[in-house]
């Protein structure tokens, strides 16, 4: 699991959102994967959908940049 999350975050860093999205959707319902899903919708500018996914994770909408959130998550799973 950890490796897949790190792969998704690396894809996000590389602007390969489709690949990251596939990973996020592969285990929909798992909070770690749903968090990646939320981040991806935030990157896409789909705030309504991003907020939905953050709520599913039990998290507030972040007040940091997308880049900061990505790096925080990368550090958490490394």
PDB file of N, CA and C in Angstrom:
ATOM      1  N   UNK A   1       0.815  -1.187   0.000  1.00  0.00           N
ATOM      2  CA  UNK A   1       0.000   0.000   0.000  1.00  0.00           C
ATOM      3  C   UNK A   1       0.868   1.263   0.000  1.00  0.00           C
ATOM      4  N   UNK A   2       1.801   1.322   0.920  1.00  0.00           N
ATOM      5  CA  UNK A   2       2.673   2.481   1.039  1.00  0.00           C
ATOM      6  C   UNK A   2       3.367   2.798  -0.284  1.00  0.00           C
ATOM      7  N   UNK A   3       3.824   1.746  -0.966  1.00  0.00           N
ATOM      8  CA  UNK A   3       4.521   1.940  -2.239  1.00  0.00           C
ATOM      9  C   UNK A   3       3.588   2.536  -3.292  1.00  0.00           C
ATOM     10  N   UNK A   4       2.346   2.067  -3.335  1.00  0.00           N
ATOM     11  CA  UNK A   4       1.390   2.609  -4.298  1.00  0.00           C
ATOM     12  C   UNK A   4       1.097   4.080  -4.021  1.00  0.00           C
ATOM     13  N   UNK A   5       0.951   4.442  -2.765  1.00  0.00           N
ATOM     14  CA  UNK A   5       0.703   5.837  -2.401  1.00  0.00           C
ATOM     15  C   UNK A   5       1.891   6.699  -2.830  1.00  0.00           C
ATOM     16  N   UNK A   6       3.100   6.229  -2.558  1.00  0.00           N
ATOM     17  CA  UNK A   6       4.293   6.973  -2.975  1.00  0.00           C
ATOM     18  C   UNK A   6       4.364   7.089  -4.493  1.00  0.00           C
ATOM     19  N   UNK A   7       3.985   6.030  -5.199  1.00  0.00           N
ATOM     20  CA  UNK A   7       3.962   6.095  -6.670  1.00  0.00           C
ATOM     21  C   UNK A   7       2.967   7.155  -7.138  1.00  0.00           C
ATOM     22  N   UNK A   8       1.783   7.178  -6.528  1.00  0.00           N
ATOM     23  CA  UNK A   8       0.775   8.168  -6.906  1.00  0.00           C
ATOM     24  C   UNK A   8       1.289   9.583  -6.653  1.00  0.00           C
ATOM     25  N   UNK A   9       1.938   9.790  -5.524  1.00  0.00           N
ATOM     26  CA  UNK A   9       2.476  11.112  -5.214  1.00  0.00           C
ATOM     27  C   UNK A   9       3.594  11.500  -6.175  1.00  0.00           C
ATOM     28  N   UNK A  10       4.413  10.540  -6.576  1.00  0.00           N
ATOM     29  CA  UNK A  10       5.456  10.834  -7.563  1.00  0.00           C
ATOM     30  C   UNK A  10       4.820  11.196  -8.901  1.00  0.00           C
ATOM     31  N   UNK A  11       3.771  10.489  -9.282  1.00  0.00           N
ATOM     32  CA  UNK A  11       3.053  10.831 -10.510  1.00  0.00           C
ATOM     33  C   UNK A  11       2.497  12.245 -10.431  1.00  0.00           C
ATOM     34  N   UNK A  12       1.987  12.622  -9.265  1.00  0.00           N
ATOM     35  CA  UNK A  12       1.478  13.990  -9.091  1.00  0.00           C
ATOM     36  C   UNK A  12       2.608  14.990  -9.288  1.00  0.00           C
ATOM     37  N   UNK A  13       3.754  14.719  -8.705  1.00  0.00           N
ATOM     38  CA  UNK A  13       4.921  15.601  -8.877  1.00  0.00           C
ATOM     39  C   UNK A  13       5.292  15.741 -10.349  1.00  0.00           C
ATOM     40  N   UNK A  14       5.076  14.692 -11.118  1.00  0.00           N
ATOM     41  CA  UNK A  14       5.443  14.674 -12.544  1.00  0.00           C
ATOM     42  C   UNK A  14       4.289  15.107 -13.456  1.00  0.00           C
ATOM     43  N   UNK A  15       3.201  15.591 -12.845  1.00  0.00           N
ATOM     44  CA  UNK A  15       2.011  16.003 -13.608  1.00  0.00           C
ATOM     45  C   UNK A  15       1.410  14.863 -14.420  1.00  0.00           C
ATOM     46  N   UNK A  16       1.524  13.653 -13.897  1.00  0.00           N
ATOM     47  CA  UNK A  16       0.945  12.465 -14.535  1.00  0.00           C
ATOM     48  C   UNK A  16      -0.302  12.074 -13.742  1.00  0.00           C
ATOM     49  N   UNK A  17      -1.295  12.958 -13.837  1.00  0.00           N
ATOM     50  CA  UNK A  17      -2.471  12.832 -12.994  1.00  0.00           C
ATOM     51  C   UNK A  17      -3.323  11.626 -13.334  1.00  0.00           C
ATOM     52  N   UNK A  18      -3.339  11.216 -14.576  1.00  0.00           N
ATOM     53  CA  UNK A  18      -4.151  10.050 -14.940  1.00  0.00           C
ATOM     54  C   UNK A  18      -3.659   8.800 -14.218  1.00  0.00           C
ATOM     55  N   UNK A  19      -2.342   8.602 -14.204  1.00  0.00           N
ATOM     56  CA  UNK A  19      -1.776   7.442 -13.519  1.00  0.00           C
ATOM     57  C   UNK A  19      -2.032   7.515 -12.013  1.00  0.00           C
ATOM     58  N   UNK A  20      -1.890   8.715 -11.446  1.00  0.00           N
ATOM     59  CA  UNK A  20      -2.153   8.889 -10.022  1.00  0.00           C
ATOM     60  C   UNK A  20      -3.625   8.621  -9.712  1.00  0.00           C
ATOM     61  N   UNK A  21      -4.493   9.066 -10.597  1.00  0.00           N
ATOM     62  CA  UNK A  21      -5.930   8.871 -10.414  1.00  0.00           C
ATOM     63  C   UNK A  21      -6.281   7.382 -10.450  1.00  0.00           C
ATOM     64  N   UNK A  22      -5.641   6.633 -11.329  1.00  0.00           N
ATOM     65  CA  UNK A  22      -5.882   5.188 -11.402  1.00  0.00           C
ATOM     66  C   UNK A  22      -5.526   4.515 -10.074  1.00  0.00           C
ATOM     67  N   UNK A  23      -4.419   4.942  -9.485  1.00  0.00           N
ATOM     68  CA  UNK A  23      -4.019   4.376  -8.189  1.00  0.00           C
ATOM     69  C   UNK A  23      -5.043   4.754  -7.126  1.00  0.00           C
ATOM     70  N   UNK A  24      -5.447   6.017  -7.101  1.00  0.00           N
ATOM     71  CA  UNK A  24      -6.421   6.475  -6.101  1.00  0.00           C
ATOM     72  C   UNK A  24      -7.722   5.691  -6.205  1.00  0.00           C
ATOM     73  N   UNK A  25      -8.163   5.423  -7.410  1.00  0.00           N
ATOM     74  CA  UNK A  25      -9.418   4.715  -7.610  1.00  0.00           C
ATOM     75  C   UNK A  25      -9.298   3.209  -7.376  1.00  0.00           C
ATOM     76  N   UNK A  26      -8.078   2.697  -7.356  1.00  0.00           N
ATOM     77  CA  UNK A  26      -7.894   1.245  -7.223  1.00  0.00           C
ATOM     78  C   UNK A  26      -8.338   0.724  -5.861  1.00  0.00           C
ATOM     79  N   UNK A  27      -8.357   1.598  -4.843  1.00  0.00           N
ATOM     80  CA  UNK A  27      -8.782   1.172  -3.498  1.00  0.00           C
ATOM     81  C   UNK A  27      -9.708   2.223  -2.901  1.00  0.00           C
ATOM     82  N   UNK A  28     -10.653   2.654  -3.719  1.00  0.00           N
ATOM     83  CA  UNK A  28     -11.622   3.647  -3.265  1.00  0.00           C
ATOM     84  C   UNK A  28     -12.283   3.164  -1.977  1.00  0.00           C
ATOM     85  N   UNK A  29     -12.411   4.086  -1.026  1.00  0.00           N
ATOM     86  CA  UNK A  29     -12.968   3.743   0.270  1.00  0.00           C
ATOM     87  C   UNK A  29     -11.901   3.633   1.347  1.00  0.00           C
ATOM     88  N   UNK A  30     -10.649   3.463   0.939  1.00  0.00           N
ATOM     89  CA  UNK A  30      -9.543   3.457   1.892  1.00  0.00           C
ATOM     90  C   UNK A  30      -9.095   4.913   2.063  1.00  0.00           C
ATOM     91  N   UNK A  31      -9.032   5.410   3.298  1.00  0.00           N
ATOM     92  CA  UNK A  31      -8.728   6.832   3.518  1.00  0.00           C
ATOM     93  C   UNK A  31      -7.444   7.332   2.857  1.00  0.00           C
ATOM     94  N   UNK A  32      -6.399   6.526   2.817  1.00  0.00           N
ATOM     95  CA  UNK A  32      -5.145   6.966   2.200  1.00  0.00           C
ATOM     96  C   UNK A  32      -5.318   7.193   0.694  1.00  0.00           C
ATOM     97  N   UNK A  33      -6.058   6.320   0.062  1.00  0.00           N
ATOM     98  CA  UNK A  33      -6.283   6.437  -1.380  1.00  0.00           C
ATOM     99  C   UNK A  33      -7.281   7.551  -1.669  1.00  0.00           C
ATOM    100  N   UNK A  34      -8.283   7.679  -0.802  1.00  0.00           N
ATOM    101  CA  UNK A  34      -9.261   8.757  -0.978  1.00  0.00           C
ATOM    102  C   UNK A  34      -8.596  10.122  -0.788  1.00  0.00           C
ATOM    103  N   UNK A  35      -7.591  10.192   0.050  1.00  0.00           N
ATOM    104  CA  UNK A  35      -6.856  11.457   0.247  1.00  0.00           C
ATOM    105  C   UNK A  35      -6.127  11.844  -1.037  1.00  0.00           C
ATOM    106  N   UNK A  36      -5.549  10.878  -1.715  1.00  0.00           N
ATOM    107  CA  UNK A  36      -4.901  11.157  -3.006  1.00  0.00           C
ATOM    108  C   UNK A  36      -5.950  11.633  -4.003  1.00  0.00           C
ATOM    109  N   UNK A  37      -7.103  10.981  -3.986  1.00  0.00           N
ATOM    110  CA  UNK A  37      -8.205  11.357  -4.874  1.00  0.00           C
ATOM    111  C   UNK A  37      -8.614  12.807  -4.617  1.00  0.00           C
ATOM    112  N   UNK A  38      -8.730  13.188  -3.356  1.00  0.00           N
ATOM    113  CA  UNK A  38      -9.083  14.562  -2.991  1.00  0.00           C
ATOM    114  C   UNK A  38      -8.043  15.539  -3.524  1.00  0.00           C
ATOM    115  N   UNK A  39      -6.790  15.227  -3.323  1.00  0.00           N
ATOM    116  CA  UNK A  39      -5.704  16.088  -3.789  1.00  0.00           C
ATOM    117  C   UNK A  39      -5.758  16.260  -5.302  1.00  0.00           C
ATOM    118  N   UNK A  40      -6.006  15.187  -6.006  1.00  0.00           N
ATOM    119  CA  UNK A  40      -6.071  15.267  -7.468  1.00  0.00           C
ATOM    120  C   UNK A  40      -7.201  16.184  -7.943  1.00  0.00           C
ATOM    121  N   UNK A  41      -8.356  16.086  -7.301  1.00  0.00           N
ATOM    122  CA  UNK A  41      -9.453  16.977  -7.695  1.00  0.00           C
ATOM    123  C   UNK A  41      -9.144  18.419  -7.329  1.00  0.00           C
ATOM    124  N   UNK A  42      -8.419  18.608  -6.263  1.00  0.00           N
ATOM    125  CA  UNK A  42      -7.981  19.960  -5.895  1.00  0.00           C
ATOM    126  C   UNK A  42      -7.033  20.514  -6.962  1.00  0.00           C
ATOM    127  N   UNK A  43      -6.108  19.702  -7.422  1.00  0.00           N
ATOM    128  CA  UNK A  43      -5.172  20.116  -8.471  1.00  0.00           C
ATOM    129  C   UNK A  43      -5.930  20.489  -9.741  1.00  0.00           C
ATOM    130  N   UNK A  44      -6.952  19.712 -10.056  1.00  0.00           N
ATOM    131  CA  UNK A  44      -7.743  19.950 -11.265  1.00  0.00           C
ATOM    132  C   UNK A  44      -8.615  21.199 -11.161  1.00  0.00           C
ATOM    133  N   UNK A  45      -8.700  21.750  -9.961  1.00  0.00           N
ATOM    134  CA  UNK A  45      -9.528  22.931  -9.770  1.00  0.00           C
ATOM    135  C   UNK A  45     -10.982  22.609  -9.500  1.00  0.00           C
ATOM    136  N   UNK A  46     -11.266  21.350  -9.232  1.00  0.00           N
ATOM    137  CA  UNK A  46     -12.626  20.904  -8.950  1.00  0.00           C
ATOM    138  C   UNK A  46     -12.824  20.905  -7.433  1.00  0.00           C
ATOM    139  N   UNK A  47     -12.982  22.115  -6.875  1.00  0.00           N
ATOM    140  CA  UNK A  47     -13.036  22.274  -5.429  1.00  0.00           C
ATOM    141  C   UNK A  47     -14.204  21.512  -4.796  1.00  0.00           C
ATOM    142  N   UNK A  48     -15.372  21.534  -5.445  1.00  0.00           N
ATOM    143  CA  UNK A  48     -16.531  20.844  -4.899  1.00  0.00           C
ATOM    144  C   UNK A  48     -16.232  19.350  -4.732  1.00  0.00           C
ATOM    145  N   UNK A  49     -15.687  18.729  -5.761  1.00  0.00           N
ATOM    146  CA  UNK A  49     -15.380  17.303  -5.718  1.00  0.00           C
ATOM    147  C   UNK A  49     -14.247  17.020  -4.734  1.00  0.00           C
ATOM    148  N   UNK A  50     -13.253  17.895  -4.699  1.00  0.00           N
ATOM    149  CA  UNK A  50     -12.155  17.723  -3.746  1.00  0.00           C
ATOM    150  C   UNK A  50     -12.685  17.748  -2.311  1.00  0.00           C
ATOM    151  N   UNK A  51     -13.566  18.701  -2.019  1.00  0.00           N
ATOM    152  CA  UNK A  51     -14.133  18.789  -0.671  1.00  0.00           C
ATOM    153  C   UNK A  51     -14.896  17.520  -0.309  1.00  0.00           C
ATOM    154  N   UNK A  52     -15.591  16.961  -1.288  1.00  0.00           N
ATOM    155  CA  UNK A  52     -16.305  15.698  -1.060  1.00  0.00           C
ATOM    156  C   UNK A  52     -15.330  14.621  -0.606  1.00  0.00           C
ATOM    157  N   UNK A  53     -14.197  14.486  -1.296  1.00  0.00           N
ATOM    158  CA  UNK A  53     -13.230  13.433  -0.970  1.00  0.00           C
ATOM    159  C   UNK A  53     -12.528  13.703   0.359  1.00  0.00           C
ATOM    160  N   UNK A  54     -12.233  14.969   0.666  1.00  0.00           N
ATOM    161  CA  UNK A  54     -11.655  15.275   1.979  1.00  0.00           C
ATOM    162  C   UNK A  54     -12.638  14.905   3.088  1.00  0.00           C
ATOM    163  N   UNK A  55     -13.929  15.216   2.886  1.00  0.00           N
ATOM    164  CA  UNK A  55     -14.934  14.836   3.891  1.00  0.00           C
ATOM    165  C   UNK A  55     -14.969  13.328   4.077  1.00  0.00           C
ATOM    166  N   UNK A  56     -14.868  12.574   2.987  1.00  0.00           N
ATOM    167  CA  UNK A  56     -14.855  11.105   3.100  1.00  0.00           C
ATOM    168  C   UNK A  56     -13.683  10.631   3.954  1.00  0.00           C
ATOM    169  N   UNK A  57     -12.602  11.390   3.930  1.00  0.00           N
ATOM    170  CA  UNK A  57     -11.424  11.042   4.738  1.00  0.00           C
ATOM    171  C   UNK A  57     -11.529  11.592   6.155  1.00  0.00           C
ATOM    172  N   UNK A  58     -12.546  12.393   6.418  1.00  0.00           N
ATOM    173  CA  UNK A  58     -12.685  13.013   7.733  1.00  0.00           C
ATOM    174  C   UNK A  58     -11.736  14.175   7.938  1.00  0.00           C
ATOM    175  N   UNK A  59     -11.370  14.828   6.834  1.00  0.00           N
ATOM    176  CA  UNK A  59     -10.392  15.918   6.901  1.00  0.00           C
ATOM    177  C   UNK A  59     -10.992  17.228   6.403  1.00  0.00           C
ATOM    178  N   UNK A  60     -10.510  18.344   6.949  1.00  0.00           N
ATOM    179  CA  UNK A  60     -10.934  19.640   6.420  1.00  0.00           C
ATOM    180  C   UNK A  60     -10.215  19.924   5.101  1.00  0.00           C
ATOM    181  N   UNK A  61     -10.766  20.851   4.341  1.00  0.00           N
ATOM    182  CA  UNK A  61     -10.105  21.275   3.108  1.00  0.00           C
ATOM    183  C   UNK A  61      -8.789  21.962   3.509  1.00  0.00           C
ATOM    184  N   UNK A  62      -7.664  21.581   2.914  1.00  0.00           N
ATOM    185  CA  UNK A  62      -6.360  22.113   3.340  1.00  0.00           C
ATOM    186  C   UNK A  62      -6.228  23.618   3.129  1.00  0.00           C
ATOM    187  N   UNK A  63      -5.452  24.239   4.008  1.00  0.00           N
ATOM    188  CA  UNK A  63      -5.162  25.661   3.854  1.00  0.00           C
ATOM    189  C   UNK A  63      -3.720  25.886   3.405  1.00  0.00           C
ATOM    190  N   UNK A  64      -3.085  24.828   2.913  1.00  0.00           N
ATOM    191  CA  UNK A  64      -1.729  24.926   2.352  1.00  0.00           C
ATOM    192  C   UNK A  64      -1.828  24.748   0.841  1.00  0.00           C
ATOM    193  N   UNK A  65      -0.762  25.089   0.144  1.00  0.00           N
ATOM    194  CA  UNK A  65      -0.758  24.924  -1.305  1.00  0.00           C
ATOM    195  C   UNK A  65      -0.779  23.437  -1.674  1.00  0.00           C
ATOM    196  N   UNK A  66      -1.136  23.180  -2.907  1.00  0.00           N
ATOM    197  CA  UNK A  66      -1.137  21.808  -3.427  1.00  0.00           C
ATOM    198  C   UNK A  66       0.271  21.217  -3.320  1.00  0.00           C
ATOM    199  N   UNK A  67       1.260  22.013  -3.638  1.00  0.00           N
ATOM    200  CA  UNK A  67       2.646  21.538  -3.576  1.00  0.00           C
ATOM    201  C   UNK A  67       3.035  21.176  -2.147  1.00  0.00           C
ATOM    202  N   UNK A  68       2.639  22.022  -1.201  1.00  0.00           N
ATOM    203  CA  UNK A  68       2.956  21.729   0.206  1.00  0.00           C
ATOM    204  C   UNK A  68       2.242  20.468   0.678  1.00  0.00           C
ATOM    205  N   UNK A  69       0.987  20.327   0.289  1.00  0.00           N
ATOM    206  CA  UNK A  69       0.249  19.127   0.683  1.00  0.00           C
ATOM    207  C   UNK A  69       0.897  17.873   0.098  1.00  0.00           C
ATOM    208  N   UNK A  70       1.284  17.945  -1.174  1.00  0.00           N
ATOM    209  CA  UNK A  70       1.933  16.809  -1.832  1.00  0.00           C
ATOM    210  C   UNK A  70       3.205  16.423  -1.095  1.00  0.00           C
ATOM    211  N   UNK A  71       4.023  17.411  -0.758  1.00  0.00           N
ATOM    212  CA  UNK A  71       5.287  17.128  -0.074  1.00  0.00           C
ATOM    213  C   UNK A  71       5.058  16.602   1.336  1.00  0.00           C
ATOM    214  N   UNK A  72       4.061  17.135   2.054  1.00  0.00           N
ATOM    215  CA  UNK A  72       3.741  16.630   3.387  1.00  0.00           C
ATOM    216  C   UNK A  72       3.348  15.160   3.322  1.00  0.00           C
ATOM    217  N   UNK A  73       2.510  14.814   2.332  1.00  0.00           N
ATOM    218  CA  UNK A  73       2.092  13.427   2.183  1.00  0.00           C
ATOM    219  C   UNK A  73       3.270  12.543   1.791  1.00  0.00           C
ATOM    220  N   UNK A  74       4.113  13.033   0.902  1.00  0.00           N
ATOM    221  CA  UNK A  74       5.271  12.241   0.474  1.00  0.00           C
ATOM    222  C   UNK A  74       6.153  11.912   1.683  1.00  0.00           C
ATOM    223  N   UNK A  75       6.382  12.907   2.534  1.00  0.00           N
ATOM    224  CA  UNK A  75       7.202  12.686   3.736  1.00  0.00           C
ATOM    225  C   UNK A  75       6.533  11.691   4.689  1.00  0.00           C
ATOM    226  N   UNK A  76       5.212  11.786   4.802  1.00  0.00           N
ATOM    227  CA  UNK A  76       4.482  10.896   5.708  1.00  0.00           C
ATOM    228  C   UNK A  76       4.622   9.436   5.285  1.00  0.00           C
ATOM    229  N   UNK A  77       4.621   9.172   3.995  1.00  0.00           N
ATOM    230  CA  UNK A  77       4.650   7.790   3.510  1.00  0.00           C
ATOM    231  C   UNK A  77       6.055   7.281   3.192  1.00  0.00           C
ATOM    232  N   UNK A  78       7.043   8.162   3.247  1.00  0.00           N
ATOM    233  CA  UNK A  78       8.426   7.755   2.956  1.00  0.00           C
ATOM    234  C   UNK A  78       9.057   7.036   4.121  1.00  0.00           C
TER     235      UNK A  78
END
